[in-house]
Amino acid sequence: GERVEDWAGALHALNKNQILWIDLVDASKDETVDVLDALDLGAAAELKLGDPERRPCVEQFERHLRVTAVAVSDTERDPARERIVVDCFLGSNWILTVRGADIAALDDFRDAAEGEGEVGLLDAPSFLTTLSEWVMTSYLRAFDEIEETLDEIDVEAIAQLSKNLEEQLEVLGDARRRVGRLRRTLAIPQELRGVGRR
């Protein structure tokens, strides 16, 4: 794959063996409207793009598929802002992802897609499956970070059994609540199981 600056021109020049991925990250309202209009997806307000309350789901439309996934921020630890909704629209030869913030796993995927390799050989369902794996990576990274925090608490608790017990219990409680929140978000709804499989 290769990065293109003129996505509108590239969209109209696609042949049946090409896929254009448009990745909107914290895009302006005007940019979002332009892309939605060009792909004939409807109004942003009706689509509820980036709605922090959206749950993972799949919606089938006449000319496209919408998959909403929820990834985990690499930098944000505030429970209200840690979840990043990723709206993914798949057409016959285009894919649109809309998200409010960077997600390292998706950025890594985009970098891989721009390089030489097999990403350029994927069809839309295979692309979605691969993209979903990268979203899952954002959760694995978050769980690894939590595990490191818990390991530090264990080491500190053993070294100083009664000192700072309240503080250690608070950090432990925060970590456990975060694990629970991430696991509930990660639970794959019934309608998403098997998406992208052939």
N, C-alpha and C. Protein backbone atom coordinates (compact mmCIF):
# COMPACT_ATOMS: atom_id res chain seq x y z
N GLY A 1 0.83 -1.19 0.00
CA GLY A 1 0.00 0.00 0.00
C GLY A 1 0.85 1.23 0.00
N GLU A 2 0.22 2.33 -0.33
CA GLU A 2 0.93 3.61 -0.32
C GLU A 2 0.01 4.69 0.20
N ARG A 3 0.59 5.71 0.80
CA ARG A 3 -0.17 6.84 1.32
C ARG A 3 -0.55 7.74 0.15
N VAL A 4 -1.80 8.19 0.14
CA VAL A 4 -2.25 9.14 -0.88
C VAL A 4 -2.75 10.39 -0.19
N GLU A 5 -2.46 11.53 -0.77
CA GLU A 5 -2.92 12.81 -0.21
C GLU A 5 -4.30 13.16 -0.74
N ASP A 6 -4.57 12.85 -2.00
CA ASP A 6 -5.85 13.17 -2.64
C ASP A 6 -6.75 11.95 -2.58
N TRP A 7 -7.36 11.73 -1.41
CA TRP A 7 -8.20 10.54 -1.25
C TRP A 7 -9.41 10.58 -2.19
N ALA A 8 -9.96 11.78 -2.46
CA ALA A 8 -11.14 11.88 -3.33
C ALA A 8 -10.79 11.45 -4.74
N GLY A 9 -9.64 11.89 -5.22
CA GLY A 9 -9.19 11.49 -6.56
C GLY A 9 -8.89 10.00 -6.60
N ALA A 10 -8.25 9.50 -5.54
CA ALA A 10 -7.92 8.07 -5.48
C ALA A 10 -9.18 7.22 -5.43
N LEU A 11 -10.21 7.70 -4.73
CA LEU A 11 -11.46 6.97 -4.61
C LEU A 11 -12.10 6.74 -5.98
N HIS A 12 -12.07 7.77 -6.80
CA HIS A 12 -12.70 7.66 -8.13
C HIS A 12 -11.83 6.90 -9.13
N ALA A 13 -10.55 6.73 -8.81
CA ALA A 13 -9.64 6.05 -9.73
C ALA A 13 -9.42 4.58 -9.37
N LEU A 14 -10.10 4.09 -8.33
CA LEU A 14 -9.90 2.70 -7.89
C LEU A 14 -10.43 1.71 -8.92
N ASN A 15 -9.69 0.61 -9.07
CA ASN A 15 -10.25 -0.49 -9.86
C ASN A 15 -10.75 -1.55 -8.89
N LYS A 16 -11.34 -2.60 -9.41
CA LYS A 16 -11.98 -3.61 -8.54
C LYS A 16 -10.98 -4.38 -7.67
N ASN A 17 -9.69 -4.30 -7.99
CA ASN A 17 -8.68 -5.01 -7.22
C ASN A 17 -7.95 -4.13 -6.21
N GLN A 18 -8.44 -2.91 -6.03
CA GLN A 18 -7.78 -1.98 -5.12
C GLN A 18 -8.71 -1.60 -3.98
N ILE A 19 -8.11 -1.32 -2.84
CA ILE A 19 -8.86 -0.84 -1.67
C ILE A 19 -8.23 0.46 -1.21
N LEU A 20 -9.07 1.44 -0.92
CA LEU A 20 -8.61 2.70 -0.35
C LEU A 20 -9.03 2.73 1.11
N TRP A 21 -8.06 2.93 1.99
CA TRP A 21 -8.35 3.07 3.42
C TRP A 21 -8.21 4.53 3.77
N ILE A 22 -9.30 5.13 4.26
CA ILE A 22 -9.29 6.51 4.75
C ILE A 22 -9.37 6.42 6.27
N ASP A 23 -8.36 6.92 6.94
CA ASP A 23 -8.26 6.82 8.40
C ASP A 23 -8.36 8.23 8.97
N LEU A 24 -9.54 8.59 9.49
CA LEU A 24 -9.75 9.91 10.08
C LEU A 24 -9.46 9.85 11.58
N VAL A 25 -8.45 10.60 12.00
CA VAL A 25 -8.07 10.64 13.40
C VAL A 25 -8.30 12.05 13.90
N ASP A 26 -9.26 12.21 14.82
CA ASP A 26 -9.59 13.52 15.39
C ASP A 26 -9.76 14.55 14.27
N ALA A 27 -10.52 14.18 13.25
CA ALA A 27 -10.71 15.02 12.07
C ALA A 27 -11.63 16.20 12.37
N SER A 28 -11.47 17.26 11.59
CA SER A 28 -12.35 18.41 11.72
C SER A 28 -13.74 18.04 11.23
N LYS A 29 -14.72 18.84 11.61
CA LYS A 29 -16.10 18.59 11.19
C LYS A 29 -16.20 18.66 9.66
N ASP A 30 -15.54 19.65 9.05
CA ASP A 30 -15.58 19.80 7.59
C ASP A 30 -14.97 18.60 6.87
N GLU A 31 -13.82 18.14 7.37
CA GLU A 31 -13.17 16.98 6.75
C GLU A 31 -14.05 15.74 6.86
N THR A 32 -14.65 15.55 8.03
CA THR A 32 -15.53 14.40 8.23
C THR A 32 -16.73 14.47 7.29
N VAL A 33 -17.35 15.63 7.17
CA VAL A 33 -18.50 15.81 6.29
C VAL A 33 -18.11 15.51 4.85
N ASP A 34 -16.96 16.00 4.41
CA ASP A 34 -16.49 15.75 3.04
C ASP A 34 -16.37 14.26 2.75
N VAL A 35 -15.76 13.53 3.67
CA VAL A 35 -15.56 12.09 3.47
C VAL A 35 -16.91 11.35 3.50
N LEU A 36 -17.75 11.68 4.47
CA LEU A 36 -19.06 11.02 4.57
C LEU A 36 -19.90 11.28 3.31
N ASP A 37 -19.84 12.51 2.80
CA ASP A 37 -20.58 12.84 1.57
C ASP A 37 -20.04 12.06 0.38
N ALA A 38 -18.71 12.01 0.25
CA ALA A 38 -18.10 11.33 -0.89
C ALA A 38 -18.43 9.84 -0.89
N LEU A 39 -18.54 9.25 0.29
CA LEU A 39 -18.84 7.82 0.40
C LEU A 39 -20.35 7.55 0.53
N ASP A 40 -21.14 8.63 0.55
CA ASP A 40 -22.60 8.53 0.62
C ASP A 40 -23.04 7.74 1.87
N LEU A 41 -22.48 8.15 3.03
CA LEU A 41 -22.76 7.44 4.27
C LEU A 41 -23.82 8.12 5.14
N GLY A 42 -24.13 9.37 4.88
CA GLY A 42 -25.11 10.08 5.69
C GLY A 42 -24.45 11.14 6.55
N ALA A 43 -25.25 11.75 7.41
CA ALA A 43 -24.78 12.84 8.26
C ALA A 43 -24.08 12.31 9.51
N ALA A 44 -23.02 13.02 9.91
CA ALA A 44 -22.24 12.59 11.07
C ALA A 44 -23.10 12.51 12.33
N ALA A 45 -24.01 13.44 12.51
CA ALA A 45 -24.86 13.43 13.71
C ALA A 45 -25.73 12.18 13.74
N GLU A 46 -26.26 11.78 12.59
CA GLU A 46 -27.09 10.58 12.53
C GLU A 46 -26.27 9.31 12.80
N LEU A 47 -25.01 9.34 12.37
CA LEU A 47 -24.15 8.17 12.54
C LEU A 47 -23.59 8.04 13.95
N LYS A 48 -23.68 9.12 14.72
CA LYS A 48 -23.15 9.15 16.10
C LYS A 48 -21.68 8.71 16.13
N LEU A 49 -20.89 9.30 15.26
CA LEU A 49 -19.47 8.96 15.20
C LEU A 49 -18.77 9.34 16.50
N GLY A 50 -17.95 8.44 16.99
CA GLY A 50 -17.16 8.71 18.18
C GLY A 50 -17.95 8.78 19.47
N ASP A 51 -19.22 8.39 19.43
CA ASP A 51 -20.04 8.40 20.64
C ASP A 51 -19.40 7.49 21.68
N PRO A 52 -18.96 8.06 22.80
CA PRO A 52 -18.24 7.25 23.80
C PRO A 52 -19.09 6.15 24.42
N GLU A 53 -20.38 6.22 24.25
CA GLU A 53 -21.28 5.21 24.82
C GLU A 53 -21.55 4.05 23.85
N ARG A 54 -21.10 4.18 22.59
CA ARG A 54 -21.36 3.10 21.62
C ARG A 54 -20.66 1.83 22.06
N ARG A 55 -21.30 0.73 21.80
CA ARG A 55 -20.75 -0.59 22.11
C ARG A 55 -20.33 -1.23 20.79
N PRO A 56 -19.46 -2.21 20.84
CA PRO A 56 -19.10 -2.92 19.60
C PRO A 56 -20.35 -3.49 18.94
N CYS A 57 -20.45 -3.29 17.64
CA CYS A 57 -21.60 -3.82 16.92
C CYS A 57 -21.30 -3.88 15.42
N VAL A 58 -22.16 -4.59 14.71
CA VAL A 58 -22.08 -4.69 13.25
C VAL A 58 -23.43 -4.30 12.70
N GLU A 59 -23.42 -3.44 11.69
CA GLU A 59 -24.66 -3.03 11.03
C GLU A 59 -24.48 -3.21 9.53
N GLN A 60 -25.42 -3.88 8.91
CA GLN A 60 -25.37 -4.14 7.46
C GLN A 60 -26.28 -3.15 6.75
N PHE A 61 -25.75 -2.46 5.76
CA PHE A 61 -26.51 -1.54 4.93
C PHE A 61 -26.47 -2.04 3.50
N GLU A 62 -27.21 -1.39 2.63
CA GLU A 62 -27.30 -1.86 1.24
C GLU A 62 -25.95 -1.86 0.54
N ARG A 63 -25.15 -0.79 0.74
CA ARG A 63 -23.90 -0.69 -0.01
C ARG A 63 -22.65 -0.71 0.87
N HIS A 64 -22.82 -0.89 2.17
CA HIS A 64 -21.65 -0.95 3.04
C HIS A 64 -21.99 -1.66 4.34
N LEU A 65 -20.94 -1.96 5.07
CA LEU A 65 -21.02 -2.59 6.38
C LEU A 65 -20.41 -1.62 7.37
N ARG A 66 -21.03 -1.48 8.53
CA ARG A 66 -20.45 -0.64 9.59
C ARG A 66 -20.10 -1.55 10.76
N VAL A 67 -18.87 -1.46 11.20
CA VAL A 67 -18.41 -2.19 12.37
C VAL A 67 -17.89 -1.17 13.37
N THR A 68 -18.44 -1.21 14.57
CA THR A 68 -17.96 -0.32 15.62
C THR A 68 -17.15 -1.17 16.60
N ALA A 69 -15.92 -0.75 16.82
CA ALA A 69 -15.04 -1.43 17.77
C ALA A 69 -14.65 -0.43 18.85
N VAL A 70 -14.19 -0.93 19.96
CA VAL A 70 -13.72 -0.07 21.03
C VAL A 70 -12.30 -0.50 21.38
N ALA A 71 -11.37 0.42 21.21
CA ALA A 71 -9.96 0.15 21.52
C ALA A 71 -9.60 0.86 22.82
N VAL A 72 -8.37 0.68 23.25
CA VAL A 72 -7.89 1.27 24.49
C VAL A 72 -6.77 2.26 24.17
N SER A 73 -6.86 3.43 24.77
CA SER A 73 -5.83 4.45 24.59
C SER A 73 -4.53 3.99 25.22
N ASP A 74 -3.43 4.33 24.57
CA ASP A 74 -2.12 4.00 25.11
C ASP A 74 -1.66 5.03 26.14
N THR A 75 -2.26 6.21 26.09
CA THR A 75 -1.77 7.30 26.93
C THR A 75 -2.76 7.74 28.00
N GLU A 76 -4.03 7.52 27.79
CA GLU A 76 -5.07 8.01 28.71
C GLU A 76 -5.40 6.96 29.76
N ARG A 77 -5.43 7.37 31.04
CA ARG A 77 -5.78 6.44 32.10
C ARG A 77 -7.09 6.83 32.78
N ASP A 78 -7.62 7.98 32.43
CA ASP A 78 -8.90 8.41 32.98
C ASP A 78 -9.98 7.49 32.44
N PRO A 79 -10.73 6.81 33.33
CA PRO A 79 -11.75 5.85 32.86
C PRO A 79 -12.74 6.44 31.87
N ALA A 80 -13.03 7.74 32.00
CA ALA A 80 -14.00 8.37 31.10
C ALA A 80 -13.44 8.58 29.69
N ARG A 81 -12.11 8.57 29.56
CA ARG A 81 -11.51 8.85 28.25
C ARG A 81 -10.59 7.73 27.74
N GLU A 82 -10.49 6.64 28.48
CA GLU A 82 -9.59 5.55 28.10
C GLU A 82 -10.11 4.77 26.89
N ARG A 83 -11.42 4.59 26.80
CA ARG A 83 -12.04 3.87 25.68
C ARG A 83 -12.04 4.78 24.45
N ILE A 84 -11.61 4.23 23.32
CA ILE A 84 -11.65 4.98 22.07
C ILE A 84 -12.52 4.20 21.09
N VAL A 85 -13.62 4.83 20.70
CA VAL A 85 -14.53 4.21 19.76
C VAL A 85 -13.95 4.33 18.36
N VAL A 86 -13.91 3.22 17.64
CA VAL A 86 -13.42 3.20 16.25
C VAL A 86 -14.59 2.76 15.38
N ASP A 87 -15.07 3.69 14.57
CA ASP A 87 -16.14 3.38 13.62
C ASP A 87 -15.48 3.00 12.30
N CYS A 88 -15.82 1.84 11.79
CA CYS A 88 -15.22 1.32 10.57
C CYS A 88 -16.34 1.03 9.57
N PHE A 89 -16.23 1.64 8.39
CA PHE A 89 -17.20 1.44 7.32
C PHE A 89 -16.48 0.73 6.18
N LEU A 90 -17.09 -0.32 5.65
CA LEU A 90 -16.48 -1.09 4.57
C LEU A 90 -17.39 -1.07 3.35
N GLY A 91 -16.86 -0.56 2.26
CA GLY A 91 -17.57 -0.59 0.98
C GLY A 91 -16.94 -1.65 0.11
N SER A 92 -17.31 -1.67 -1.15
CA SER A 92 -16.79 -2.71 -2.05
C SER A 92 -15.28 -2.58 -2.26
N ASN A 93 -14.77 -1.35 -2.29
CA ASN A 93 -13.33 -1.19 -2.47
C ASN A 93 -12.78 -0.01 -1.67
N TRP A 94 -13.44 0.31 -0.59
CA TRP A 94 -12.94 1.36 0.31
C TRP A 94 -13.25 0.98 1.75
N ILE A 95 -12.44 1.52 2.64
CA ILE A 95 -12.63 1.34 4.08
C ILE A 95 -12.40 2.70 4.73
N LEU A 96 -13.30 3.07 5.62
CA LEU A 96 -13.18 4.31 6.36
C LEU A 96 -13.12 3.96 7.84
N THR A 97 -12.09 4.45 8.52
CA THR A 97 -12.04 4.33 9.98
C THR A 97 -12.08 5.74 10.55
N VAL A 98 -12.90 5.92 11.59
CA VAL A 98 -13.06 7.21 12.24
C VAL A 98 -12.83 7.01 13.72
N ARG A 99 -11.90 7.77 14.27
CA ARG A 99 -11.59 7.66 15.70
C ARG A 99 -11.17 9.02 16.22
N GLY A 100 -11.38 9.23 17.51
CA GLY A 100 -11.12 10.53 18.10
C GLY A 100 -9.70 10.74 18.59
N ALA A 101 -8.89 9.70 18.59
CA ALA A 101 -7.53 9.82 19.11
C ALA A 101 -6.64 8.75 18.48
N ASP A 102 -5.34 8.98 18.61
CA ASP A 102 -4.38 7.97 18.14
C ASP A 102 -4.47 6.73 19.02
N ILE A 103 -4.28 5.60 18.39
CA ILE A 103 -4.19 4.32 19.09
C ILE A 103 -2.94 3.67 18.51
N ALA A 104 -1.95 3.43 19.33
CA ALA A 104 -0.65 2.94 18.83
C ALA A 104 -0.81 1.70 17.96
N ALA A 105 -1.66 0.77 18.35
CA ALA A 105 -1.82 -0.46 17.58
C ALA A 105 -2.36 -0.17 16.18
N LEU A 106 -3.32 0.76 16.05
CA LEU A 106 -3.85 1.11 14.73
C LEU A 106 -2.83 1.91 13.92
N ASP A 107 -2.09 2.76 14.61
CA ASP A 107 -1.03 3.50 13.91
C ASP A 107 0.02 2.54 13.38
N ASP A 108 0.36 1.52 14.16
CA ASP A 108 1.30 0.50 13.70
C ASP A 108 0.74 -0.22 12.48
N PHE A 109 -0.56 -0.52 12.53
CA PHE A 109 -1.21 -1.20 11.40
C PHE A 109 -1.16 -0.32 10.16
N ARG A 110 -1.47 0.98 10.32
CA ARG A 110 -1.42 1.91 9.19
C ARG A 110 0.00 1.96 8.61
N ASP A 111 1.01 2.01 9.47
CA ASP A 111 2.40 2.03 9.00
C ASP A 111 2.71 0.76 8.22
N ALA A 112 2.23 -0.39 8.71
CA ALA A 112 2.46 -1.65 8.00
C ALA A 112 1.73 -1.66 6.66
N ALA A 113 0.53 -1.10 6.63
CA ALA A 113 -0.26 -1.06 5.40
C ALA A 113 0.39 -0.19 4.34
N GLU A 114 1.12 0.84 4.77
CA GLU A 114 1.78 1.74 3.82
C GLU A 114 3.04 1.13 3.24
N GLY A 115 3.57 0.13 3.88
CA GLY A 115 4.82 -0.47 3.41
C GLY A 115 4.60 -1.52 2.35
N GLU A 116 5.69 -2.11 1.94
CA GLU A 116 5.61 -3.21 0.99
C GLU A 116 5.11 -4.44 1.73
N GLY A 117 4.33 -5.24 1.08
CA GLY A 117 3.90 -6.46 1.73
C GLY A 117 2.52 -6.88 1.31
N GLU A 118 1.96 -7.81 2.09
CA GLU A 118 0.73 -8.46 1.71
C GLU A 118 -0.52 -7.67 2.07
N VAL A 119 -0.41 -6.59 2.85
CA VAL A 119 -1.60 -5.83 3.20
C VAL A 119 -2.30 -5.35 1.94
N GLY A 120 -1.53 -4.96 0.94
CA GLY A 120 -2.11 -4.50 -0.30
C GLY A 120 -2.86 -5.57 -1.06
N LEU A 121 -2.69 -6.84 -0.67
CA LEU A 121 -3.37 -7.94 -1.34
C LEU A 121 -4.67 -8.34 -0.65
N LEU A 122 -5.01 -7.69 0.47
CA LEU A 122 -6.19 -8.07 1.22
C LEU A 122 -7.46 -7.53 0.58
N ASP A 123 -8.55 -8.29 0.72
CA ASP A 123 -9.86 -7.77 0.36
C ASP A 123 -10.45 -7.13 1.62
N ALA A 124 -11.60 -6.49 1.49
CA ALA A 124 -12.18 -5.75 2.62
C ALA A 124 -12.43 -6.63 3.85
N PRO A 125 -13.03 -7.84 3.73
CA PRO A 125 -13.23 -8.66 4.94
C PRO A 125 -11.91 -9.06 5.61
N SER A 126 -10.91 -9.40 4.81
CA SER A 126 -9.61 -9.77 5.39
C SER A 126 -8.97 -8.57 6.06
N PHE A 127 -9.13 -7.41 5.45
CA PHE A 127 -8.61 -6.17 6.02
C PHE A 127 -9.27 -5.93 7.39
N LEU A 128 -10.58 -6.11 7.47
CA LEU A 128 -11.31 -5.91 8.71
C LEU A 128 -10.83 -6.89 9.78
N THR A 129 -10.63 -8.12 9.41
CA THR A 129 -10.15 -9.12 10.36
C THR A 129 -8.77 -8.73 10.90
N THR A 130 -7.89 -8.31 10.01
CA THR A 130 -6.55 -7.89 10.42
C THR A 130 -6.62 -6.65 11.30
N LEU A 131 -7.45 -5.70 10.91
CA LEU A 131 -7.61 -4.49 11.71
C LEU A 131 -8.14 -4.83 13.10
N SER A 132 -9.07 -5.76 13.18
CA SER A 132 -9.62 -6.19 14.47
C SER A 132 -8.52 -6.79 15.36
N GLU A 133 -7.62 -7.53 14.76
CA GLU A 133 -6.50 -8.09 15.52
C GLU A 133 -5.64 -6.97 16.12
N TRP A 134 -5.46 -5.90 15.36
CA TRP A 134 -4.66 -4.78 15.87
C TRP A 134 -5.41 -4.05 16.99
N VAL A 135 -6.73 -3.94 16.90
CA VAL A 135 -7.51 -3.36 18.00
C VAL A 135 -7.33 -4.22 19.24
N MET A 136 -7.41 -5.53 19.07
CA MET A 136 -7.22 -6.45 20.19
C MET A 136 -5.85 -6.22 20.83
N THR A 137 -4.85 -5.90 20.03
CA THR A 137 -3.51 -5.63 20.55
C THR A 137 -3.54 -4.46 21.53
N SER A 138 -4.40 -3.47 21.29
CA SER A 138 -4.47 -2.33 22.21
C SER A 138 -4.90 -2.81 23.61
N TYR A 139 -5.78 -3.81 23.66
CA TYR A 139 -6.19 -4.38 24.95
C TYR A 139 -5.05 -5.15 25.59
N LEU A 140 -4.35 -5.93 24.80
CA LEU A 140 -3.24 -6.71 25.34
C LEU A 140 -2.18 -5.79 25.93
N ARG A 141 -1.91 -4.67 25.26
CA ARG A 141 -0.95 -3.70 25.79
C ARG A 141 -1.43 -3.14 27.11
N ALA A 142 -2.72 -2.83 27.20
CA ALA A 142 -3.27 -2.29 28.45
C ALA A 142 -3.18 -3.32 29.57
N PHE A 143 -3.52 -4.58 29.27
CA PHE A 143 -3.42 -5.63 30.29
C PHE A 143 -1.98 -5.84 30.73
N ASP A 144 -1.02 -5.74 29.80
CA ASP A 144 0.39 -5.86 30.18
C ASP A 144 0.78 -4.74 31.15
N GLU A 145 0.32 -3.54 30.87
CA GLU A 145 0.63 -2.41 31.74
C GLU A 145 0.04 -2.61 33.13
N ILE A 146 -1.18 -3.10 33.19
CA ILE A 146 -1.83 -3.36 34.48
C ILE A 146 -1.07 -4.45 35.24
N GLU A 147 -0.65 -5.48 34.52
CA GLU A 147 0.11 -6.55 35.16
C GLU A 147 1.41 -6.03 35.76
N GLU A 148 2.09 -5.13 35.04
CA GLU A 148 3.31 -4.53 35.57
C GLU A 148 3.02 -3.75 36.85
N THR A 149 1.91 -2.99 36.85
CA THR A 149 1.52 -2.23 38.04
C THR A 149 1.27 -3.16 39.22
N LEU A 150 0.55 -4.26 38.96
CA LEU A 150 0.27 -5.21 40.03
C LEU A 150 1.54 -5.88 40.53
N ASP A 151 2.48 -6.17 39.64
CA ASP A 151 3.76 -6.74 40.06
C ASP A 151 4.51 -5.77 40.97
N GLU A 152 4.48 -4.48 40.62
CA GLU A 152 5.15 -3.47 41.46
C GLU A 152 4.50 -3.41 42.84
N ILE A 153 3.17 -3.51 42.89
CA ILE A 153 2.46 -3.49 44.17
C ILE A 153 2.87 -4.71 45.00
N ASP A 154 2.93 -5.88 44.36
CA ASP A 154 3.33 -7.09 45.07
C ASP A 154 4.71 -6.95 45.68
N VAL A 155 5.65 -6.47 44.89
CA VAL A 155 7.03 -6.32 45.37
C VAL A 155 7.08 -5.32 46.52
N GLU A 156 6.39 -4.19 46.35
CA GLU A 156 6.40 -3.16 47.40
C GLU A 156 5.69 -3.66 48.66
N ALA A 157 4.59 -4.40 48.49
CA ALA A 157 3.85 -4.91 49.65
C ALA A 157 4.69 -5.88 50.46
N ILE A 158 5.43 -6.72 49.77
CA ILE A 158 6.27 -7.69 50.46
C ILE A 158 7.42 -6.97 51.17
N ALA A 159 7.98 -5.96 50.53
CA ALA A 159 9.12 -5.24 51.12
C ALA A 159 8.69 -4.40 52.32
N GLN A 160 7.50 -3.81 52.26
CA GLN A 160 7.04 -2.91 53.32
C GLN A 160 5.63 -3.31 53.74
N LEU A 161 5.52 -4.41 54.44
CA LEU A 161 4.22 -5.01 54.70
C LEU A 161 3.16 -4.06 55.24
N SER A 162 3.44 -3.22 56.18
CA SER A 162 2.36 -2.41 56.73
C SER A 162 2.48 -0.93 56.37
N LYS A 163 3.58 -0.50 55.84
CA LYS A 163 3.74 0.90 55.46
C LYS A 163 2.93 1.18 54.20
N ASN A 164 2.27 2.29 54.14
CA ASN A 164 1.50 2.74 52.98
C ASN A 164 0.44 1.73 52.54
N LEU A 165 -0.12 0.98 53.47
CA LEU A 165 -1.10 -0.04 53.12
C LEU A 165 -2.32 0.57 52.44
N GLU A 166 -2.81 1.70 52.95
CA GLU A 166 -3.98 2.34 52.34
C GLU A 166 -3.71 2.74 50.88
N GLU A 167 -2.56 3.32 50.65
CA GLU A 167 -2.18 3.75 49.30
C GLU A 167 -2.05 2.54 48.37
N GLN A 168 -1.44 1.47 48.86
CA GLN A 168 -1.29 0.26 48.05
C GLN A 168 -2.65 -0.35 47.72
N LEU A 169 -3.55 -0.36 48.70
CA LEU A 169 -4.88 -0.90 48.46
C LEU A 169 -5.65 -0.05 47.46
N GLU A 170 -5.46 1.26 47.49
CA GLU A 170 -6.13 2.15 46.53
C GLU A 170 -5.63 1.88 45.11
N VAL A 171 -4.31 1.76 44.94
CA VAL A 171 -3.74 1.46 43.62
C VAL A 171 -4.22 0.09 43.14
N LEU A 172 -4.25 -0.86 44.05
CA LEU A 172 -4.73 -2.21 43.71
C LEU A 172 -6.20 -2.17 43.28
N GLY A 173 -7.01 -1.45 44.03
CA GLY A 173 -8.43 -1.32 43.69
C GLY A 173 -8.62 -0.66 42.33
N ASP A 174 -7.85 0.40 42.05
CA ASP A 174 -7.92 1.08 40.74
C ASP A 174 -7.56 0.12 39.62
N ALA A 175 -6.51 -0.66 39.83
CA ALA A 175 -6.07 -1.60 38.79
C ALA A 175 -7.13 -2.67 38.56
N ARG A 176 -7.71 -3.18 39.61
CA ARG A 176 -8.74 -4.21 39.46
C ARG A 176 -9.99 -3.65 38.76
N ARG A 177 -10.39 -2.42 39.11
CA ARG A 177 -11.54 -1.80 38.43
C ARG A 177 -11.24 -1.60 36.95
N ARG A 178 -10.01 -1.21 36.63
CA ARG A 178 -9.63 -1.00 35.23
C ARG A 178 -9.69 -2.32 34.47
N VAL A 179 -9.19 -3.39 35.07
CA VAL A 179 -9.26 -4.71 34.43
C VAL A 179 -10.71 -5.09 34.15
N GLY A 180 -11.58 -4.90 35.13
CA GLY A 180 -12.99 -5.22 34.95
C GLY A 180 -13.62 -4.40 33.83
N ARG A 181 -13.33 -3.11 33.80
CA ARG A 181 -13.88 -2.22 32.77
C ARG A 181 -13.39 -2.64 31.39
N LEU A 182 -12.11 -2.95 31.26
CA LEU A 182 -11.56 -3.35 29.97
C LEU A 182 -12.13 -4.70 29.53
N ARG A 183 -12.27 -5.63 30.45
CA ARG A 183 -12.82 -6.94 30.09
C ARG A 183 -14.27 -6.82 29.63
N ARG A 184 -15.05 -5.97 30.30
CA ARG A 184 -16.45 -5.79 29.88
C ARG A 184 -16.51 -5.15 28.49
N THR A 185 -15.63 -4.22 28.21
CA THR A 185 -15.59 -3.58 26.90
C THR A 185 -15.13 -4.57 25.85
N LEU A 186 -14.22 -5.44 26.23
CA LEU A 186 -13.64 -6.41 25.29
C LEU A 186 -14.59 -7.54 24.95
N ALA A 187 -15.56 -7.80 25.80
CA ALA A 187 -16.50 -8.90 25.54
C ALA A 187 -17.09 -8.73 24.14
N ILE A 188 -16.94 -9.75 23.33
CA ILE A 188 -17.37 -9.68 21.94
C ILE A 188 -18.86 -10.01 21.86
N PRO A 189 -19.67 -9.03 21.39
CA PRO A 189 -21.10 -9.30 21.26
C PRO A 189 -21.36 -10.44 20.27
N GLN A 190 -22.45 -11.12 20.46
CA GLN A 190 -22.81 -12.27 19.62
C GLN A 190 -22.75 -11.92 18.14
N GLU A 191 -23.25 -10.72 17.76
CA GLU A 191 -23.31 -10.39 16.33
C GLU A 191 -21.94 -10.15 15.71
N LEU A 192 -20.91 -9.96 16.53
CA LEU A 192 -19.56 -9.75 15.99
C LEU A 192 -18.78 -11.05 15.84
N ARG A 193 -19.20 -12.09 16.51
CA ARG A 193 -18.45 -13.35 16.44
C ARG A 193 -18.52 -13.90 15.02
N GLY A 194 -17.37 -14.18 14.46
CA GLY A 194 -17.32 -14.75 13.12
C GLY A 194 -17.24 -13.73 12.01
N VAL A 195 -17.28 -12.41 12.33
CA VAL A 195 -17.19 -11.40 11.28
C VAL A 195 -15.83 -11.51 10.60
N GLY A 196 -15.82 -11.52 9.31
CA GLY A 196 -14.57 -11.57 8.56
C GLY A 196 -14.10 -12.98 8.25
N ARG A 197 -14.73 -13.98 8.85
CA ARG A 197 -14.34 -15.37 8.56
C ARG A 197 -15.01 -15.82 7.30
N ARG A 198 -14.38 -16.73 6.62
CA ARG A 198 -14.95 -17.28 5.40
C ARG A 198 -15.23 -18.73 5.57
